Amino acid sequence: TWALPNGQWRSSFHALPQRAKNAEGRWADIDTTLERTGKADDGLTVRPVNAPVPVRFSGGSADGARK
């Protein structure tokens, strides 16, 4: 909600989150672009740059077994 120069108030509402706390704990725009984390030999994964909830996707395992 913002106070306008003419004395009125303005509010903005969204059906979905617009910002989330990033790795540094600061509020930033949500960015669902996937980035690689880790190395192939220690479990390559991808995760969104800045998502409203913690998410990461595994590259799977070498033997196809679930962990």
PDB file of N, CA and C in Angstrom:
ATOM      1  N   THR A   1       0.847  -1.183   0.000  1.00  0.00           N
ATOM      2  CA  THR A   1       0.000   0.000   0.000  1.00  0.00           C
ATOM      3  C   THR A   1       0.882   1.233   0.000  1.00  0.00           C
ATOM      4  N   TRP A   2       0.529   2.206  -0.830  1.00  0.00           N
ATOM      5  CA  TRP A   2       1.293   3.439  -0.954  1.00  0.00           C
ATOM      6  C   TRP A   2       0.409   4.639  -0.636  1.00  0.00           C
ATOM      7  N   ALA A   3       0.993   5.642   0.008  1.00  0.00           N
ATOM      8  CA  ALA A   3       0.313   6.922   0.209  1.00  0.00           C
ATOM      9  C   ALA A   3       0.636   7.802  -0.995  1.00  0.00           C
ATOM     10  N   LEU A   4      -0.390   8.305  -1.656  1.00  0.00           N
ATOM     11  CA  LEU A   4      -0.210   9.146  -2.837  1.00  0.00           C
ATOM     12  C   LEU A   4      -0.135  10.615  -2.442  1.00  0.00           C
ATOM     13  N   PRO A   5       0.507  11.451  -3.260  1.00  0.00           N
ATOM     14  CA  PRO A   5       0.650  12.875  -2.944  1.00  0.00           C
ATOM     15  C   PRO A   5      -0.686  13.589  -2.714  1.00  0.00           C
ATOM     16  N   ASN A   6      -1.764  13.101  -3.327  1.00  0.00           N
ATOM     17  CA  ASN A   6      -3.065  13.761  -3.173  1.00  0.00           C
ATOM     18  C   ASN A   6      -3.826  13.297  -1.929  1.00  0.00           C
ATOM     19  N   GLY A   7      -3.188  12.478  -1.078  1.00  0.00           N
ATOM     20  CA  GLY A   7      -3.807  12.018   0.167  1.00  0.00           C
ATOM     21  C   GLY A   7      -4.536  10.694   0.051  1.00  0.00           C
ATOM     22  N   GLN A   8      -4.681  10.174  -1.146  1.00  0.00           N
ATOM     23  CA  GLN A   8      -5.337   8.884  -1.323  1.00  0.00           C
ATOM     24  C   GLN A   8      -4.331   7.756  -1.107  1.00  0.00           C
ATOM     25  N   TRP A   9      -4.859   6.539  -0.997  1.00  0.00           N
ATOM     26  CA  TRP A   9      -4.037   5.353  -0.822  1.00  0.00           C
ATOM     27  C   TRP A   9      -4.185   4.462  -2.044  1.00  0.00           C
ATOM     28  N   ARG A  10      -3.115   3.752  -2.375  1.00  0.00           N
ATOM     29  CA  ARG A  10      -3.150   2.812  -3.491  1.00  0.00           C
ATOM     30  C   ARG A  10      -2.568   1.485  -3.024  1.00  0.00           C
ATOM     31  N   SER A  11      -3.274   0.397  -3.312  1.00  0.00           N
ATOM     32  CA  SER A  11      -2.803  -0.950  -2.982  1.00  0.00           C
ATOM     33  C   SER A  11      -2.714  -1.774  -4.252  1.00  0.00           C
ATOM     34  N   SER A  12      -1.812  -2.727  -4.258  1.00  0.00           N
ATOM     35  CA  SER A  12      -1.643  -3.612  -5.399  1.00  0.00           C
ATOM     36  C   SER A  12      -1.669  -5.053  -4.888  1.00  0.00           C
ATOM     37  N   PHE A  13      -2.486  -5.885  -5.509  1.00  0.00           N
ATOM     38  CA  PHE A  13      -2.628  -7.278  -5.103  1.00  0.00           C
ATOM     39  C   PHE A  13      -2.327  -8.185  -6.285  1.00  0.00           C
ATOM     40  N   HIS A  14      -1.718  -9.345  -6.000  1.00  0.00           N
ATOM     41  CA  HIS A  14      -1.371 -10.315  -7.036  1.00  0.00           C
ATOM     42  C   HIS A  14      -1.839 -11.702  -6.600  1.00  0.00           C
ATOM     43  N   ALA A  15      -2.275 -12.501  -7.530  1.00  0.00           N
ATOM     44  CA  ALA A  15      -2.731 -13.858  -7.242  1.00  0.00           C
ATOM     45  C   ALA A  15      -1.567 -14.794  -6.910  1.00  0.00           C
ATOM     46  N   LEU A  16      -0.386 -14.477  -7.405  1.00  0.00           N
ATOM     47  CA  LEU A  16       0.797 -15.306  -7.173  1.00  0.00           C
ATOM     48  C   LEU A  16       1.897 -14.457  -6.562  1.00  0.00           C
ATOM     49  N   PRO A  17       2.856 -15.084  -5.849  1.00  0.00           N
ATOM     50  CA  PRO A  17       3.963 -14.316  -5.278  1.00  0.00           C
ATOM     51  C   PRO A  17       4.745 -13.583  -6.362  1.00  0.00           C
ATOM     52  N   GLN A  18       5.194 -12.389  -6.066  1.00  0.00           N
ATOM     53  CA  GLN A  18       5.980 -11.588  -6.999  1.00  0.00           C
ATOM     54  C   GLN A  18       7.454 -11.547  -6.598  1.00  0.00           C
ATOM     55  N   ARG A  19       7.747 -11.692  -5.305  1.00  0.00           N
ATOM     56  CA  ARG A  19       9.110 -11.633  -4.792  1.00  0.00           C
ATOM     57  C   ARG A  19       9.313 -12.739  -3.757  1.00  0.00           C
ATOM     58  N   ALA A  20      10.575 -13.135  -3.582  1.00  0.00           N
ATOM     59  CA  ALA A  20      10.947 -14.137  -2.589  1.00  0.00           C
ATOM     60  C   ALA A  20      12.312 -13.760  -2.041  1.00  0.00           C
ATOM     61  N   LYS A  21      12.624 -14.235  -0.840  1.00  0.00           N
ATOM     62  CA  LYS A  21      13.952 -13.967  -0.283  1.00  0.00           C
ATOM     63  C   LYS A  21      14.982 -14.798  -1.039  1.00  0.00           C
ATOM     64  N   ASN A  22      16.090 -14.158  -1.407  1.00  0.00           N
ATOM     65  CA  ASN A  22      17.148 -14.854  -2.139  1.00  0.00           C
ATOM     66  C   ASN A  22      18.145 -15.474  -1.160  1.00  0.00           C
ATOM     67  N   ALA A  23      19.237 -16.025  -1.661  1.00  0.00           N
ATOM     68  CA  ALA A  23      20.239 -16.698  -0.833  1.00  0.00           C
ATOM     69  C   ALA A  23      20.858 -15.770   0.206  1.00  0.00           C
ATOM     70  N   GLU A  24      20.886 -14.463  -0.071  1.00  0.00           N
ATOM     71  CA  GLU A  24      21.442 -13.488   0.871  1.00  0.00           C
ATOM     72  C   GLU A  24      20.400 -13.001   1.874  1.00  0.00           C
ATOM     73  N   GLY A  25      19.165 -13.495   1.771  1.00  0.00           N
ATOM     74  CA  GLY A  25      18.106 -13.086   2.682  1.00  0.00           C
ATOM     75  C   GLY A  25      17.415 -11.789   2.296  1.00  0.00           C
ATOM     76  N   ARG A  26      17.666 -11.310   1.094  1.00  0.00           N
ATOM     77  CA  ARG A  26      17.038 -10.074   0.610  1.00  0.00           C
ATOM     78  C   ARG A  26      15.877 -10.416  -0.311  1.00  0.00           C
ATOM     79  N   TRP A  27      14.848  -9.558  -0.313  1.00  0.00           N
ATOM     80  CA  TRP A  27      13.714  -9.751  -1.207  1.00  0.00           C
ATOM     81  C   TRP A  27      14.134  -9.425  -2.635  1.00  0.00           C
ATOM     82  N   ALA A  28      13.791 -10.316  -3.562  1.00  0.00           N
ATOM     83  CA  ALA A  28      14.127 -10.131  -4.978  1.00  0.00           C
ATOM     84  C   ALA A  28      12.997 -10.711  -5.825  1.00  0.00           C
ATOM     85  N   ASP A  29      12.919 -10.276  -7.074  1.00  0.00           N
ATOM     86  CA  ASP A  29      11.916 -10.818  -7.985  1.00  0.00           C
ATOM     87  C   ASP A  29      12.101 -12.325  -8.130  1.00  0.00           C
ATOM     88  N   ILE A  30      11.006 -13.038  -8.285  1.00  0.00           N
ATOM     89  CA  ILE A  30      11.065 -14.478  -8.509  1.00  0.00           C
ATOM     90  C   ILE A  30      11.667 -14.729  -9.887  1.00  0.00           C
ATOM     91  N   ASP A  31      12.619 -15.651  -9.929  1.00  0.00           N
ATOM     92  CA  ASP A  31      13.287 -16.013 -11.184  1.00  0.00           C
ATOM     93  C   ASP A  31      13.342 -17.533 -11.252  1.00  0.00           C
ATOM     94  N   THR A  32      12.525 -18.138 -12.096  1.00  0.00           N
ATOM     95  CA  THR A  32      12.472 -19.597 -12.196  1.00  0.00           C
ATOM     96  C   THR A  32      13.429 -20.162 -13.245  1.00  0.00           C
ATOM     97  N   THR A  33      14.356 -19.336 -13.727  1.00  0.00           N
ATOM     98  CA  THR A  33      15.389 -19.822 -14.640  1.00  0.00           C
ATOM     99  C   THR A  33      16.200 -20.890 -13.913  1.00  0.00           C
ATOM    100  N   LEU A  34      16.403 -22.041 -14.537  1.00  0.00           N
ATOM    101  CA  LEU A  34      17.148 -23.118 -13.887  1.00  0.00           C
ATOM    102  C   LEU A  34      18.647 -22.922 -14.070  1.00  0.00           C
ATOM    103  N   GLU A  35      19.394 -23.180 -12.975  1.00  0.00           N
ATOM    104  CA  GLU A  35      20.853 -23.108 -13.028  1.00  0.00           C
ATOM    105  C   GLU A  35      21.421 -24.403 -12.474  1.00  0.00           C
ATOM    106  N   ARG A  36      22.573 -24.784 -12.983  1.00  0.00           N
ATOM    107  CA  ARG A  36      23.237 -26.004 -12.518  1.00  0.00           C
ATOM    108  C   ARG A  36      23.938 -25.740 -11.195  1.00  0.00           C
ATOM    109  N   THR A  37      23.889 -26.737 -10.328  1.00  0.00           N
ATOM    110  CA  THR A  37      24.611 -26.677  -9.060  1.00  0.00           C
ATOM    111  C   THR A  37      25.367 -27.982  -8.898  1.00  0.00           C
ATOM    112  N   GLY A  38      26.450 -27.949  -8.189  1.00  0.00           N
ATOM    113  CA  GLY A  38      27.228 -29.160  -7.988  1.00  0.00           C
ATOM    114  C   GLY A  38      28.012 -29.551  -9.224  1.00  0.00           C
ATOM    115  N   LYS A  39      28.665 -30.688  -9.134  1.00  0.00           N
ATOM    116  CA  LYS A  39      29.455 -31.228 -10.239  1.00  0.00           C
ATOM    117  C   LYS A  39      28.893 -32.590 -10.603  1.00  0.00           C
ATOM    118  N   ALA A  40      29.148 -33.016 -11.818  1.00  0.00           N
ATOM    119  CA  ALA A  40      28.607 -34.292 -12.294  1.00  0.00           C
ATOM    120  C   ALA A  40      29.022 -35.456 -11.396  1.00  0.00           C
ATOM    121  N   ASP A  41      30.242 -35.425 -10.845  1.00  0.00           N
ATOM    122  CA  ASP A  41      30.716 -36.545 -10.031  1.00  0.00           C
ATOM    123  C   ASP A  41      30.185 -36.515  -8.599  1.00  0.00           C
ATOM    124  N   ASP A  42      29.607 -35.403  -8.130  1.00  0.00           N
ATOM    125  CA  ASP A  42      29.070 -35.381  -6.762  1.00  0.00           C
ATOM    126  C   ASP A  42      27.570 -35.064  -6.754  1.00  0.00           C
ATOM    127  N   GLY A  43      26.884 -35.408  -7.814  1.00  0.00           N
ATOM    128  CA  GLY A  43      25.438 -35.243  -7.852  1.00  0.00           C
ATOM    129  C   GLY A  43      24.983 -33.948  -8.486  1.00  0.00           C
ATOM    130  N   LEU A  44      25.116 -33.845  -9.782  1.00  0.00           N
ATOM    131  CA  LEU A  44      24.683 -32.659 -10.514  1.00  0.00           C
ATOM    132  C   LEU A  44      23.190 -32.450 -10.314  1.00  0.00           C
ATOM    133  N   THR A  45      22.806 -31.246  -9.954  1.00  0.00           N
ATOM    134  CA  THR A  45      21.403 -30.899  -9.815  1.00  0.00           C
ATOM    135  C   THR A  45      21.160 -29.553 -10.481  1.00  0.00           C
ATOM    136  N   VAL A  46      19.904 -29.230 -10.693  1.00  0.00           N
ATOM    137  CA  VAL A  46      19.523 -27.904 -11.166  1.00  0.00           C
ATOM    138  C   VAL A  46      18.484 -27.352 -10.199  1.00  0.00           C
ATOM    139  N   ARG A  47      18.439 -26.029 -10.088  1.00  0.00           N
ATOM    140  CA  ARG A  47      17.461 -25.388  -9.220  1.00  0.00           C
ATOM    141  C   ARG A  47      17.111 -24.030  -9.792  1.00  0.00           C
ATOM    142  N   PRO A  48      15.941 -23.491  -9.423  1.00  0.00           N
ATOM    143  CA  PRO A  48      15.582 -22.152  -9.872  1.00  0.00           C
ATOM    144  C   PRO A  48      16.497 -21.113  -9.228  1.00  0.00           C
ATOM    145  N   VAL A  49      16.764 -20.023  -9.929  1.00  0.00           N
ATOM    146  CA  VAL A  49      17.614 -18.956  -9.403  1.00  0.00           C
ATOM    147  C   VAL A  49      17.019 -18.382  -8.121  1.00  0.00           C
ATOM    148  N   ASN A  50      15.735 -18.038  -8.105  1.00  0.00           N
ATOM    149  CA  ASN A  50      15.082 -17.501  -6.905  1.00  0.00           C
ATOM    150  C   ASN A  50      13.606 -17.885  -6.937  1.00  0.00           C
ATOM    151  N   ALA A  51      13.272 -18.931  -6.202  1.00  0.00           N
ATOM    152  CA  ALA A  51      11.896 -19.434  -6.174  1.00  0.00           C
ATOM    153  C   ALA A  51      11.248 -19.119  -4.830  1.00  0.00           C
ATOM    154  N   PRO A  52       9.908 -19.060  -4.782  1.00  0.00           N
ATOM    155  CA  PRO A  52       9.234 -18.769  -3.521  1.00  0.00           C
ATOM    156  C   PRO A  52       9.327 -19.917  -2.514  1.00  0.00           C
ATOM    157  N   VAL A  53       9.626 -21.123  -2.973  1.00  0.00           N
ATOM    158  CA  VAL A  53       9.832 -22.279  -2.097  1.00  0.00           C
ATOM    159  C   VAL A  53      11.110 -22.981  -2.541  1.00  0.00           C
ATOM    160  N   PRO A  54      11.829 -23.633  -1.607  1.00  0.00           N
ATOM    161  CA  PRO A  54      13.064 -24.315  -1.998  1.00  0.00           C
ATOM    162  C   PRO A  54      12.770 -25.525  -2.897  1.00  0.00           C
ATOM    163  N   VAL A  55      13.396 -25.558  -4.053  1.00  0.00           N
ATOM    164  CA  VAL A  55      13.203 -26.639  -5.027  1.00  0.00           C
ATOM    165  C   VAL A  55      14.552 -26.974  -5.639  1.00  0.00           C
ATOM    166  N   ARG A  56      14.807 -28.252  -5.861  1.00  0.00           N
ATOM    167  CA  ARG A  56      15.969 -28.645  -6.659  1.00  0.00           C
ATOM    168  C   ARG A  56      15.652 -29.957  -7.340  1.00  0.00           C
ATOM    169  N   PHE A  57      16.199 -30.135  -8.516  1.00  0.00           N
ATOM    170  CA  PHE A  57      15.939 -31.315  -9.329  1.00  0.00           C
ATOM    171  C   PHE A  57      17.233 -32.098  -9.480  1.00  0.00           C
ATOM    172  N   SER A  58      17.158 -33.393  -9.247  1.00  0.00           N
ATOM    173  CA  SER A  58      18.322 -34.260  -9.343  1.00  0.00           C
ATOM    174  C   SER A  58      18.557 -34.691 -10.778  1.00  0.00           C
ATOM    175  N   GLY A  59      19.816 -34.899 -11.097  1.00  0.00           N
ATOM    176  CA  GLY A  59      20.173 -35.437 -12.403  1.00  0.00           C
ATOM    177  C   GLY A  59      20.013 -36.942 -12.451  1.00  0.00           C
ATOM    178  N   GLY A  60      19.562 -37.546 -11.356  1.00  0.00           N
ATOM    179  CA  GLY A  60      19.403 -38.995 -11.283  1.00  0.00           C
ATOM    180  C   GLY A  60      20.665 -39.647 -10.749  1.00  0.00           C
ATOM    181  N   SER A  61      20.664 -40.949 -10.688  1.00  0.00           N
ATOM    182  CA  SER A  61      21.842 -41.672 -10.221  1.00  0.00           C
ATOM    183  C   SER A  61      22.403 -42.514 -11.361  1.00  0.00           C
ATOM    184  N   ALA A  62      23.663 -42.868 -11.241  1.00  0.00           N
ATOM    185  CA  ALA A  62      24.344 -43.617 -12.298  1.00  0.00           C
ATOM    186  C   ALA A  62      23.703 -44.984 -12.526  1.00  0.00           C
ATOM    187  N   ASP A  63      23.228 -45.623 -11.437  1.00  0.00           N
ATOM    188  CA  ASP A  63      22.646 -46.959 -11.580  1.00  0.00           C
ATOM    189  C   ASP A  63      21.125 -46.934 -11.745  1.00  0.00           C
ATOM    190  N   GLY A  64      20.536 -45.754 -11.786  1.00  0.00           N
ATOM    191  CA  GLY A  64      19.093 -45.639 -11.980  1.00  0.00           C
ATOM    192  C   GLY A  64      18.273 -45.897 -10.729  1.00  0.00           C
ATOM    193  N   ALA A  65      18.941 -46.147  -9.603  1.00  0.00           N
ATOM    194  CA  ALA A  65      18.224 -46.420  -8.353  1.00  0.00           C
ATOM    195  C   ALA A  65      17.715 -45.133  -7.725  1.00  0.00           C
ATOM    196  N   ARG A  66      16.607 -45.258  -7.035  1.00  0.00           N
ATOM    197  CA  ARG A  66      16.079 -44.101  -6.309  1.00  0.00           C
ATOM    198  C   ARG A  66      16.810 -43.957  -4.993  1.00  0.00           C
ATOM    199  N   LYS A  67      16.970 -42.691  -4.586  1.00  0.00           N
ATOM    200  CA  LYS A  67      17.632 -42.446  -3.295  1.00  0.00           C
ATOM    201  C   LYS A  67      16.689 -41.726  -2.381  1.00  0.00           C
TER     202      LYS A  67
END
